[in-house]
Amino acid sequence: MKNLLFSLFSFSFLLFVSFTSAQSEKMEEQQGLKVGMAAPNFTLHDAFGHSYKLSSYKGKMPVVVYFYPKAGTSGCTKEACGIRDDWSQFKKNKVQVLGISIDQKADIMKFVKDYNLNFPLLSDADKKVSKDYGVFNEKGFDNRITFIVDKKGKIAEIINVKDIEGHASKVLEIASKLN
């Protein structure tokens, strides 16, 4: 019986390792959304009351739509500060960035002020957009997933963010090529 349990555990572990190693940073699909599909439109507000509608960028510029778990946490801070530090390059290359989390506006405002963030961070407190994009998880927060949307409003790339510190330069490079 002990050997059988050990064998089952070993097999389960190998399946898990195979599955997780097969997942790559670059993804072709996220919960039903696929590269080449129209990105779900949304209208969300930042902590200061400004409204952002994804479709308003159509025909004008590519958009980096990145979902992050929680404002002010170490990984989310590194990711946001990377974009902040490269913001002039995003503007120069005509690439819009919209960060989205399920945080309340007050939490996002504190995050923006604490780290002098200079790009829009949007509140999806009702979780509708996160669910539409398939990033809301069973733990009750968003997965760290980035969608790069081309000027036609189509998903050009889906990235399961593993390299937080290199995220800004990677998405800038990809999105800039879409202009």
N, C-alpha and C. Protein backbone atom coordinates (compact mmCIF):
# COMPACT_ATOMS: atom_id res chain seq x y z
N MET A 1 0.82 -1.19 0.00
CA MET A 1 0.00 0.00 0.00
C MET A 1 0.87 1.26 0.00
N LYS A 2 1.95 1.21 0.81
CA LYS A 2 2.85 2.35 0.90
C LYS A 2 3.51 2.63 -0.45
N ASN A 3 3.92 1.55 -1.14
CA ASN A 3 4.52 1.69 -2.48
C ASN A 3 3.54 2.23 -3.50
N LEU A 4 2.29 1.81 -3.40
CA LEU A 4 1.27 2.30 -4.31
C LEU A 4 1.04 3.80 -4.11
N LEU A 5 0.94 4.23 -2.87
CA LEU A 5 0.78 5.67 -2.58
C LEU A 5 1.98 6.46 -3.09
N PHE A 6 3.17 5.93 -2.85
CA PHE A 6 4.37 6.61 -3.32
C PHE A 6 4.38 6.71 -4.85
N SER A 7 3.99 5.64 -5.52
CA SER A 7 3.93 5.64 -6.98
C SER A 7 2.92 6.64 -7.50
N LEU A 8 1.76 6.68 -6.87
CA LEU A 8 0.73 7.66 -7.27
C LEU A 8 1.22 9.08 -7.06
N PHE A 9 1.83 9.33 -5.91
CA PHE A 9 2.37 10.65 -5.63
C PHE A 9 3.44 11.02 -6.65
N SER A 10 4.35 10.11 -6.93
CA SER A 10 5.43 10.36 -7.90
C SER A 10 4.88 10.67 -9.28
N PHE A 11 3.89 9.88 -9.69
CA PHE A 11 3.27 10.09 -11.01
C PHE A 11 2.59 11.46 -11.05
N SER A 12 1.85 11.81 -10.00
CA SER A 12 1.15 13.10 -9.94
C SER A 12 2.16 14.24 -9.99
N PHE A 13 3.25 14.09 -9.26
CA PHE A 13 4.27 15.12 -9.24
C PHE A 13 4.89 15.30 -10.62
N LEU A 14 5.20 14.20 -11.30
CA LEU A 14 5.77 14.28 -12.65
C LEU A 14 4.82 14.94 -13.63
N LEU A 15 3.54 14.62 -13.52
CA LEU A 15 2.54 15.28 -14.38
C LEU A 15 2.52 16.77 -14.12
N PHE A 16 2.55 17.16 -12.84
CA PHE A 16 2.54 18.57 -12.47
C PHE A 16 3.76 19.29 -13.03
N VAL A 17 4.94 18.69 -12.85
CA VAL A 17 6.17 19.29 -13.35
C VAL A 17 6.14 19.42 -14.86
N SER A 18 5.66 18.38 -15.54
CA SER A 18 5.57 18.43 -17.00
C SER A 18 4.62 19.52 -17.44
N PHE A 19 3.49 19.64 -16.75
CA PHE A 19 2.51 20.66 -17.11
C PHE A 19 3.06 22.06 -16.90
N THR A 20 3.66 22.31 -15.73
CA THR A 20 4.15 23.65 -15.45
C THR A 20 5.33 24.01 -16.32
N SER A 21 6.19 23.06 -16.65
CA SER A 21 7.32 23.39 -17.51
C SER A 21 6.87 23.60 -18.95
N ALA A 22 5.74 23.02 -19.32
CA ALA A 22 5.23 23.21 -20.67
C ALA A 22 4.59 24.58 -20.84
N GLN A 23 4.21 25.20 -19.72
CA GLN A 23 3.66 26.55 -19.80
C GLN A 23 4.80 27.51 -20.08
N SER A 24 4.64 28.33 -21.09
CA SER A 24 5.69 29.27 -21.41
C SER A 24 5.26 30.67 -21.06
N GLU A 25 6.22 31.59 -21.10
CA GLU A 25 5.90 32.97 -20.82
C GLU A 25 5.00 33.53 -21.92
N LYS A 26 5.28 33.17 -23.16
CA LYS A 26 4.47 33.63 -24.28
C LYS A 26 3.33 32.64 -24.45
N MET A 27 2.12 33.17 -24.51
CA MET A 27 0.95 32.30 -24.60
C MET A 27 0.17 32.64 -25.87
N GLU A 28 -0.51 31.68 -26.38
CA GLU A 28 -1.36 31.90 -27.55
C GLU A 28 -2.82 32.02 -27.15
N GLU A 29 -3.14 31.59 -25.93
CA GLU A 29 -4.53 31.57 -25.50
C GLU A 29 -4.60 31.84 -24.01
N GLN A 30 -5.65 32.54 -23.57
CA GLN A 30 -5.88 32.79 -22.15
C GLN A 30 -7.38 32.70 -21.91
N GLN A 31 -7.81 31.60 -21.30
CA GLN A 31 -9.21 31.42 -20.92
C GLN A 31 -10.16 31.74 -22.08
N GLY A 32 -9.91 31.21 -23.25
CA GLY A 32 -10.81 31.41 -24.37
C GLY A 32 -10.39 32.54 -25.30
N LEU A 33 -9.60 33.50 -24.81
CA LEU A 33 -9.11 34.56 -25.68
C LEU A 33 -7.86 34.05 -26.38
N LYS A 34 -7.76 34.34 -27.66
CA LYS A 34 -6.62 33.86 -28.44
C LYS A 34 -6.01 35.01 -29.23
N VAL A 35 -4.74 34.85 -29.54
CA VAL A 35 -4.07 35.80 -30.42
C VAL A 35 -4.87 35.86 -31.72
N GLY A 36 -5.10 37.07 -32.21
CA GLY A 36 -5.86 37.28 -33.44
C GLY A 36 -7.32 37.63 -33.20
N MET A 37 -7.82 37.36 -32.00
CA MET A 37 -9.21 37.70 -31.68
C MET A 37 -9.30 39.18 -31.31
N ALA A 38 -10.50 39.72 -31.43
CA ALA A 38 -10.74 41.09 -30.97
C ALA A 38 -10.61 41.11 -29.45
N ALA A 39 -9.90 42.09 -28.95
CA ALA A 39 -9.77 42.25 -27.50
C ALA A 39 -11.10 42.74 -26.94
N PRO A 40 -11.57 42.15 -25.86
CA PRO A 40 -12.83 42.63 -25.26
C PRO A 40 -12.72 44.11 -24.90
N ASN A 41 -13.68 44.88 -25.35
CA ASN A 41 -13.68 46.31 -25.05
C ASN A 41 -14.05 46.52 -23.59
N PHE A 42 -13.61 47.60 -23.04
CA PHE A 42 -13.97 47.95 -21.68
C PHE A 42 -13.86 49.46 -21.51
N THR A 43 -14.55 49.94 -20.51
CA THR A 43 -14.41 51.31 -20.03
C THR A 43 -14.19 51.21 -18.54
N LEU A 44 -13.05 51.70 -18.08
CA LEU A 44 -12.73 51.69 -16.65
C LEU A 44 -12.21 53.07 -16.26
N HIS A 45 -12.19 53.32 -14.96
CA HIS A 45 -11.73 54.59 -14.44
C HIS A 45 -10.46 54.41 -13.61
N ASP A 46 -9.63 55.44 -13.67
CA ASP A 46 -8.47 55.44 -12.79
C ASP A 46 -8.88 56.02 -11.43
N ALA A 47 -7.94 56.11 -10.53
CA ALA A 47 -8.24 56.59 -9.17
C ALA A 47 -8.62 58.06 -9.13
N PHE A 48 -8.34 58.78 -10.20
CA PHE A 48 -8.61 60.20 -10.25
C PHE A 48 -9.89 60.54 -11.00
N GLY A 49 -10.63 59.50 -11.41
CA GLY A 49 -11.90 59.69 -12.07
C GLY A 49 -11.86 59.78 -13.58
N HIS A 50 -10.67 59.65 -14.17
CA HIS A 50 -10.56 59.68 -15.63
C HIS A 50 -11.02 58.35 -16.21
N SER A 51 -11.73 58.43 -17.31
CA SER A 51 -12.29 57.24 -17.96
C SER A 51 -11.39 56.81 -19.12
N TYR A 52 -11.19 55.50 -19.25
CA TYR A 52 -10.38 54.94 -20.33
C TYR A 52 -11.18 53.84 -21.01
N LYS A 53 -11.32 53.98 -22.33
CA LYS A 53 -12.07 53.01 -23.12
C LYS A 53 -11.09 52.40 -24.12
N LEU A 54 -10.95 51.09 -24.09
CA LEU A 54 -9.99 50.43 -24.97
C LEU A 54 -10.23 50.79 -26.43
N SER A 55 -11.47 50.79 -26.87
CA SER A 55 -11.77 51.03 -28.28
C SER A 55 -11.39 52.44 -28.74
N SER A 56 -11.16 53.36 -27.82
CA SER A 56 -10.79 54.73 -28.22
C SER A 56 -9.37 54.78 -28.80
N TYR A 57 -8.59 53.73 -28.63
CA TYR A 57 -7.23 53.68 -29.18
C TYR A 57 -7.19 52.98 -30.54
N LYS A 58 -8.30 52.38 -30.93
CA LYS A 58 -8.36 51.65 -32.19
C LYS A 58 -8.03 52.58 -33.36
N GLY A 59 -7.16 52.12 -34.23
CA GLY A 59 -6.75 52.91 -35.39
C GLY A 59 -5.69 53.95 -35.05
N LYS A 60 -5.34 54.09 -33.78
CA LYS A 60 -4.39 55.13 -33.37
C LYS A 60 -3.05 54.57 -32.88
N MET A 61 -3.12 53.58 -32.00
CA MET A 61 -1.88 53.06 -31.41
C MET A 61 -2.13 51.71 -30.75
N PRO A 62 -1.07 50.91 -30.63
CA PRO A 62 -1.19 49.66 -29.88
C PRO A 62 -1.35 49.96 -28.38
N VAL A 63 -1.95 49.01 -27.68
CA VAL A 63 -2.19 49.18 -26.24
C VAL A 63 -1.68 47.95 -25.50
N VAL A 64 -0.93 48.20 -24.46
CA VAL A 64 -0.50 47.15 -23.54
C VAL A 64 -1.51 47.15 -22.40
N VAL A 65 -2.26 46.07 -22.29
CA VAL A 65 -3.24 45.92 -21.21
C VAL A 65 -2.66 44.89 -20.26
N TYR A 66 -2.19 45.37 -19.10
CA TYR A 66 -1.58 44.41 -18.19
C TYR A 66 -2.38 44.33 -16.89
N PHE A 67 -2.62 43.10 -16.49
CA PHE A 67 -3.34 42.81 -15.25
C PHE A 67 -2.32 42.47 -14.18
N TYR A 68 -2.53 43.02 -13.00
CA TYR A 68 -1.62 42.75 -11.89
C TYR A 68 -2.44 42.42 -10.64
N PRO A 69 -1.87 41.59 -9.74
CA PRO A 69 -2.63 41.10 -8.59
C PRO A 69 -3.05 42.15 -7.55
N LYS A 70 -2.12 42.97 -7.06
CA LYS A 70 -2.47 43.86 -5.96
C LYS A 70 -1.52 45.04 -5.88
N ALA A 71 -2.10 46.22 -5.87
CA ALA A 71 -1.32 47.46 -5.77
C ALA A 71 -0.47 47.47 -4.50
N GLY A 72 0.78 47.87 -4.66
CA GLY A 72 1.66 48.05 -3.53
C GLY A 72 2.44 46.82 -3.11
N THR A 73 2.14 45.66 -3.67
CA THR A 73 2.92 44.46 -3.33
C THR A 73 4.25 44.52 -4.08
N SER A 74 5.21 43.74 -3.64
CA SER A 74 6.56 43.87 -4.20
C SER A 74 6.63 43.61 -5.70
N GLY A 75 6.01 42.53 -6.18
CA GLY A 75 6.05 42.23 -7.61
C GLY A 75 5.33 43.28 -8.44
N CYS A 76 4.17 43.70 -7.97
CA CYS A 76 3.40 44.70 -8.70
C CYS A 76 4.11 46.05 -8.71
N THR A 77 4.81 46.36 -7.63
CA THR A 77 5.56 47.60 -7.56
C THR A 77 6.72 47.57 -8.55
N LYS A 78 7.46 46.46 -8.61
CA LYS A 78 8.57 46.34 -9.57
C LYS A 78 8.06 46.47 -11.00
N GLU A 79 6.95 45.81 -11.29
CA GLU A 79 6.38 45.85 -12.63
C GLU A 79 5.97 47.27 -13.01
N ALA A 80 5.24 47.93 -12.12
CA ALA A 80 4.76 49.29 -12.39
C ALA A 80 5.91 50.29 -12.48
N CYS A 81 6.89 50.16 -11.61
CA CYS A 81 8.02 51.09 -11.65
C CYS A 81 8.85 50.91 -12.92
N GLY A 82 8.90 49.70 -13.46
CA GLY A 82 9.58 49.48 -14.73
C GLY A 82 8.90 50.25 -15.85
N ILE A 83 7.58 50.22 -15.86
CA ILE A 83 6.84 50.97 -16.88
C ILE A 83 7.01 52.47 -16.64
N ARG A 84 6.91 52.89 -15.39
CA ARG A 84 7.13 54.30 -15.05
C ARG A 84 8.47 54.78 -15.59
N ASP A 85 9.52 54.01 -15.32
CA ASP A 85 10.86 54.42 -15.72
C ASP A 85 11.05 54.45 -17.24
N ASP A 86 10.28 53.64 -17.96
CA ASP A 86 10.37 53.59 -19.43
C ASP A 86 9.25 54.39 -20.11
N TRP A 87 8.45 55.12 -19.33
CA TRP A 87 7.27 55.78 -19.87
C TRP A 87 7.59 56.70 -21.05
N SER A 88 8.69 57.42 -21.00
CA SER A 88 9.01 58.32 -22.11
C SER A 88 9.20 57.53 -23.41
N GLN A 89 9.73 56.30 -23.32
CA GLN A 89 9.91 55.46 -24.50
C GLN A 89 8.56 54.95 -25.03
N PHE A 90 7.64 54.63 -24.11
CA PHE A 90 6.29 54.23 -24.54
C PHE A 90 5.64 55.38 -25.30
N LYS A 91 5.73 56.58 -24.75
CA LYS A 91 5.13 57.76 -25.41
C LYS A 91 5.79 58.03 -26.75
N LYS A 92 7.12 57.98 -26.78
CA LYS A 92 7.87 58.23 -28.02
C LYS A 92 7.46 57.25 -29.11
N ASN A 93 7.22 55.99 -28.73
CA ASN A 93 6.85 54.95 -29.69
C ASN A 93 5.34 54.83 -29.88
N LYS A 94 4.59 55.75 -29.31
CA LYS A 94 3.13 55.79 -29.44
C LYS A 94 2.48 54.46 -29.03
N VAL A 95 2.82 54.04 -27.81
CA VAL A 95 2.24 52.84 -27.22
C VAL A 95 1.56 53.24 -25.92
N GLN A 96 0.28 52.94 -25.80
CA GLN A 96 -0.46 53.22 -24.57
C GLN A 96 -0.36 52.02 -23.64
N VAL A 97 -0.25 52.28 -22.35
CA VAL A 97 -0.23 51.22 -21.34
C VAL A 97 -1.40 51.46 -20.40
N LEU A 98 -2.16 50.40 -20.13
CA LEU A 98 -3.25 50.46 -19.17
C LEU A 98 -3.06 49.31 -18.19
N GLY A 99 -2.77 49.63 -16.94
CA GLY A 99 -2.66 48.62 -15.90
C GLY A 99 -4.02 48.43 -15.24
N ILE A 100 -4.40 47.19 -14.99
CA ILE A 100 -5.72 46.90 -14.42
C ILE A 100 -5.57 45.94 -13.24
N SER A 101 -6.28 46.26 -12.17
CA SER A 101 -6.39 45.34 -11.03
C SER A 101 -7.80 45.47 -10.46
N ILE A 102 -8.12 44.55 -9.58
CA ILE A 102 -9.45 44.60 -8.94
C ILE A 102 -9.42 45.46 -7.68
N ASP A 103 -8.31 46.16 -7.46
CA ASP A 103 -8.19 47.05 -6.30
C ASP A 103 -9.22 48.18 -6.37
N GLN A 104 -9.58 48.66 -5.20
CA GLN A 104 -10.44 49.83 -5.09
C GLN A 104 -9.64 51.07 -5.52
N LYS A 105 -10.35 52.12 -5.94
CA LYS A 105 -9.68 53.33 -6.42
C LYS A 105 -8.77 53.94 -5.36
N ALA A 106 -9.16 53.89 -4.09
CA ALA A 106 -8.33 54.46 -3.02
C ALA A 106 -6.99 53.74 -2.92
N ASP A 107 -6.99 52.43 -3.08
CA ASP A 107 -5.74 51.65 -3.03
C ASP A 107 -4.85 51.98 -4.23
N ILE A 108 -5.47 52.16 -5.38
CA ILE A 108 -4.71 52.50 -6.58
C ILE A 108 -4.14 53.91 -6.45
N MET A 109 -4.92 54.83 -5.90
CA MET A 109 -4.44 56.21 -5.74
C MET A 109 -3.21 56.23 -4.83
N LYS A 110 -3.25 55.48 -3.74
CA LYS A 110 -2.10 55.42 -2.83
C LYS A 110 -0.89 54.84 -3.55
N PHE A 111 -1.10 53.79 -4.33
CA PHE A 111 -0.03 53.15 -5.11
C PHE A 111 0.60 54.16 -6.08
N VAL A 112 -0.24 54.87 -6.81
CA VAL A 112 0.23 55.86 -7.78
C VAL A 112 1.04 56.95 -7.08
N LYS A 113 0.52 57.44 -5.96
CA LYS A 113 1.22 58.52 -5.24
C LYS A 113 2.50 58.03 -4.57
N ASP A 114 2.45 56.84 -3.96
CA ASP A 114 3.63 56.32 -3.26
C ASP A 114 4.82 56.10 -4.20
N TYR A 115 4.53 55.72 -5.45
CA TYR A 115 5.61 55.38 -6.38
C TYR A 115 5.69 56.31 -7.58
N ASN A 116 4.98 57.44 -7.51
CA ASN A 116 5.02 58.45 -8.57
C ASN A 116 4.80 57.82 -9.94
N LEU A 117 3.75 57.00 -10.03
CA LEU A 117 3.45 56.31 -11.29
C LEU A 117 2.80 57.29 -12.26
N ASN A 118 3.25 57.26 -13.49
CA ASN A 118 2.90 58.28 -14.48
C ASN A 118 2.10 57.74 -15.67
N PHE A 119 1.41 56.65 -15.48
CA PHE A 119 0.59 56.06 -16.53
C PHE A 119 -0.70 55.55 -15.87
N PRO A 120 -1.75 55.30 -16.65
CA PRO A 120 -3.05 54.94 -16.07
C PRO A 120 -3.08 53.54 -15.44
N LEU A 121 -3.51 53.51 -14.19
CA LEU A 121 -3.83 52.27 -13.49
C LEU A 121 -5.33 52.32 -13.22
N LEU A 122 -6.03 51.30 -13.68
CA LEU A 122 -7.49 51.31 -13.68
C LEU A 122 -8.05 50.34 -12.66
N SER A 123 -9.18 50.72 -12.09
CA SER A 123 -9.85 49.87 -11.10
C SER A 123 -10.95 49.04 -11.77
N ASP A 124 -10.85 47.75 -11.58
CA ASP A 124 -11.87 46.80 -12.04
C ASP A 124 -12.47 46.14 -10.79
N ALA A 125 -12.93 46.98 -9.87
CA ALA A 125 -13.41 46.50 -8.57
C ALA A 125 -14.55 45.49 -8.69
N ASP A 126 -15.36 45.60 -9.74
CA ASP A 126 -16.46 44.64 -9.91
C ASP A 126 -16.01 43.35 -10.62
N LYS A 127 -14.74 43.31 -11.02
CA LYS A 127 -14.09 42.13 -11.61
C LYS A 127 -14.62 41.73 -12.99
N LYS A 128 -15.45 42.54 -13.60
CA LYS A 128 -16.04 42.20 -14.89
C LYS A 128 -14.97 42.07 -15.99
N VAL A 129 -14.10 43.06 -16.10
CA VAL A 129 -13.08 43.04 -17.15
C VAL A 129 -12.10 41.90 -16.91
N SER A 130 -11.71 41.71 -15.66
CA SER A 130 -10.79 40.61 -15.32
C SER A 130 -11.39 39.27 -15.72
N LYS A 131 -12.68 39.11 -15.50
CA LYS A 131 -13.34 37.86 -15.88
C LYS A 131 -13.47 37.76 -17.40
N ASP A 132 -13.77 38.89 -18.07
CA ASP A 132 -13.86 38.87 -19.54
C ASP A 132 -12.54 38.45 -20.17
N TYR A 133 -11.43 38.85 -19.55
CA TYR A 133 -10.10 38.50 -20.07
C TYR A 133 -9.59 37.17 -19.52
N GLY A 134 -10.33 36.57 -18.60
CA GLY A 134 -9.96 35.27 -18.06
C GLY A 134 -8.77 35.29 -17.12
N VAL A 135 -8.52 36.42 -16.47
CA VAL A 135 -7.35 36.52 -15.59
C VAL A 135 -7.71 36.44 -14.11
N PHE A 136 -8.99 36.56 -13.77
CA PHE A 136 -9.41 36.48 -12.38
C PHE A 136 -9.33 35.03 -11.92
N ASN A 137 -8.64 34.79 -10.82
CA ASN A 137 -8.43 33.40 -10.39
C ASN A 137 -9.24 33.03 -9.15
N GLU A 138 -9.20 31.75 -8.83
CA GLU A 138 -9.98 31.22 -7.71
C GLU A 138 -9.48 31.72 -6.36
N LYS A 139 -8.30 32.31 -6.30
CA LYS A 139 -7.78 32.87 -5.04
C LYS A 139 -8.33 34.26 -4.78
N GLY A 140 -9.04 34.82 -5.76
CA GLY A 140 -9.69 36.11 -5.56
C GLY A 140 -8.92 37.32 -6.01
N PHE A 141 -7.95 37.13 -6.90
CA PHE A 141 -7.24 38.26 -7.48
C PHE A 141 -6.86 37.94 -8.92
N ASP A 142 -6.30 38.94 -9.61
CA ASP A 142 -5.93 38.76 -11.02
C ASP A 142 -4.57 38.07 -11.14
N ASN A 143 -4.45 37.21 -12.14
CA ASN A 143 -3.15 36.67 -12.52
C ASN A 143 -2.36 37.76 -13.22
N ARG A 144 -1.06 37.65 -13.21
CA ARG A 144 -0.18 38.64 -13.85
C ARG A 144 -0.05 38.26 -15.33
N ILE A 145 -1.00 38.75 -16.11
CA ILE A 145 -1.07 38.45 -17.54
C ILE A 145 -1.12 39.77 -18.32
N THR A 146 -0.42 39.83 -19.42
CA THR A 146 -0.42 41.03 -20.27
C THR A 146 -0.95 40.67 -21.65
N PHE A 147 -1.81 41.53 -22.15
CA PHE A 147 -2.35 41.42 -23.51
C PHE A 147 -1.83 42.61 -24.29
N ILE A 148 -1.25 42.36 -25.44
CA ILE A 148 -0.84 43.45 -26.31
C ILE A 148 -1.84 43.50 -27.45
N VAL A 149 -2.49 44.65 -27.57
CA VAL A 149 -3.57 44.84 -28.53
C VAL A 149 -3.06 45.73 -29.65
N ASP A 150 -3.23 45.27 -30.89
CA ASP A 150 -2.74 46.06 -32.03
C ASP A 150 -3.70 47.21 -32.36
N LYS A 151 -3.34 47.99 -33.36
CA LYS A 151 -4.14 49.17 -33.72
C LYS A 151 -5.51 48.80 -34.28
N LYS A 152 -5.69 47.56 -34.68
CA LYS A 152 -6.99 47.11 -35.18
C LYS A 152 -7.89 46.62 -34.05
N GLY A 153 -7.36 46.61 -32.83
CA GLY A 153 -8.13 46.14 -31.68
C GLY A 153 -8.07 44.64 -31.48
N LYS A 154 -7.12 44.00 -32.16
CA LYS A 154 -6.95 42.54 -32.05
C LYS A 154 -5.81 42.21 -31.08
N ILE A 155 -5.94 41.08 -30.43
CA ILE A 155 -4.90 40.63 -29.52
C ILE A 155 -3.71 40.14 -30.35
N ALA A 156 -2.58 40.81 -30.18
CA ALA A 156 -1.37 40.46 -30.92
C ALA A 156 -0.47 39.53 -30.11
N GLU A 157 -0.58 39.59 -28.81
CA GLU A 157 0.29 38.79 -27.94
C GLU A 157 -0.37 38.64 -26.57
N ILE A 158 -0.17 37.48 -25.96
CA ILE A 158 -0.61 37.23 -24.59
C ILE A 158 0.62 36.75 -23.84
N ILE A 159 0.94 37.42 -22.74
CA ILE A 159 2.15 37.10 -22.00
C ILE A 159 1.80 36.76 -20.56
N ASN A 160 2.18 35.57 -20.15
CA ASN A 160 2.09 35.16 -18.75
C ASN A 160 3.38 35.66 -18.10
N VAL A 161 3.30 36.76 -17.40
CA VAL A 161 4.49 37.47 -16.94
C VAL A 161 5.24 36.67 -15.87
N LYS A 162 6.45 36.27 -16.20
CA LYS A 162 7.35 35.58 -15.27
C LYS A 162 8.52 36.49 -14.90
N ASP A 163 8.99 37.26 -15.87
CA ASP A 163 10.13 38.17 -15.66
C ASP A 163 9.57 39.56 -15.38
N ILE A 164 9.29 39.82 -14.12
CA ILE A 164 8.68 41.09 -13.72
C ILE A 164 9.60 42.27 -14.04
N GLU A 165 10.86 42.13 -13.72
CA GLU A 165 11.79 43.24 -13.93
C GLU A 165 12.01 43.55 -15.40
N GLY A 166 11.91 42.57 -16.28
CA GLY A 166 12.10 42.80 -17.71
C GLY A 166 10.80 43.05 -18.47
N HIS A 167 9.69 43.08 -17.75
CA HIS A 167 8.37 43.20 -18.38
C HIS A 167 8.25 44.46 -19.24
N ALA A 168 8.61 45.61 -18.69
CA ALA A 168 8.42 46.88 -19.40
C ALA A 168 9.17 46.88 -20.73
N SER A 169 10.43 46.50 -20.72
CA SER A 169 11.20 46.54 -21.97
C SER A 169 10.68 45.52 -22.98
N LYS A 170 10.23 44.37 -22.49
CA LYS A 170 9.71 43.34 -23.39
C LYS A 170 8.43 43.81 -24.09
N VAL A 171 7.48 44.34 -23.32
CA VAL A 171 6.22 44.76 -23.94
C VAL A 171 6.41 45.99 -24.82
N LEU A 172 7.34 46.86 -24.44
CA LEU A 172 7.64 48.02 -25.28
C LEU A 172 8.18 47.56 -26.63
N GLU A 173 9.09 46.60 -26.61
CA GLU A 173 9.68 46.09 -27.85
C GLU A 173 8.61 45.47 -28.75
N ILE A 174 7.75 44.65 -28.17
CA ILE A 174 6.71 43.96 -28.95
C ILE A 174 5.70 44.96 -29.50
N ALA A 175 5.19 45.83 -28.63
CA ALA A 175 4.14 46.77 -29.02
C ALA A 175 4.64 47.81 -30.03
N SER A 176 5.88 48.23 -29.89
CA SER A 176 6.44 49.24 -30.81
C SER A 176 6.47 48.75 -32.24
N LYS A 177 6.65 47.46 -32.41
CA LYS A 177 6.67 46.86 -33.75
C LYS A 177 5.30 46.86 -34.41
N LEU A 178 4.26 47.14 -33.64
CA LEU A 178 2.89 47.12 -34.18
C LEU A 178 2.48 48.48 -34.76
N ASN A 179 3.31 49.46 -34.63
CA ASN A 179 3.01 50.79 -35.18
C ASN A 179 3.32 50.87 -36.65
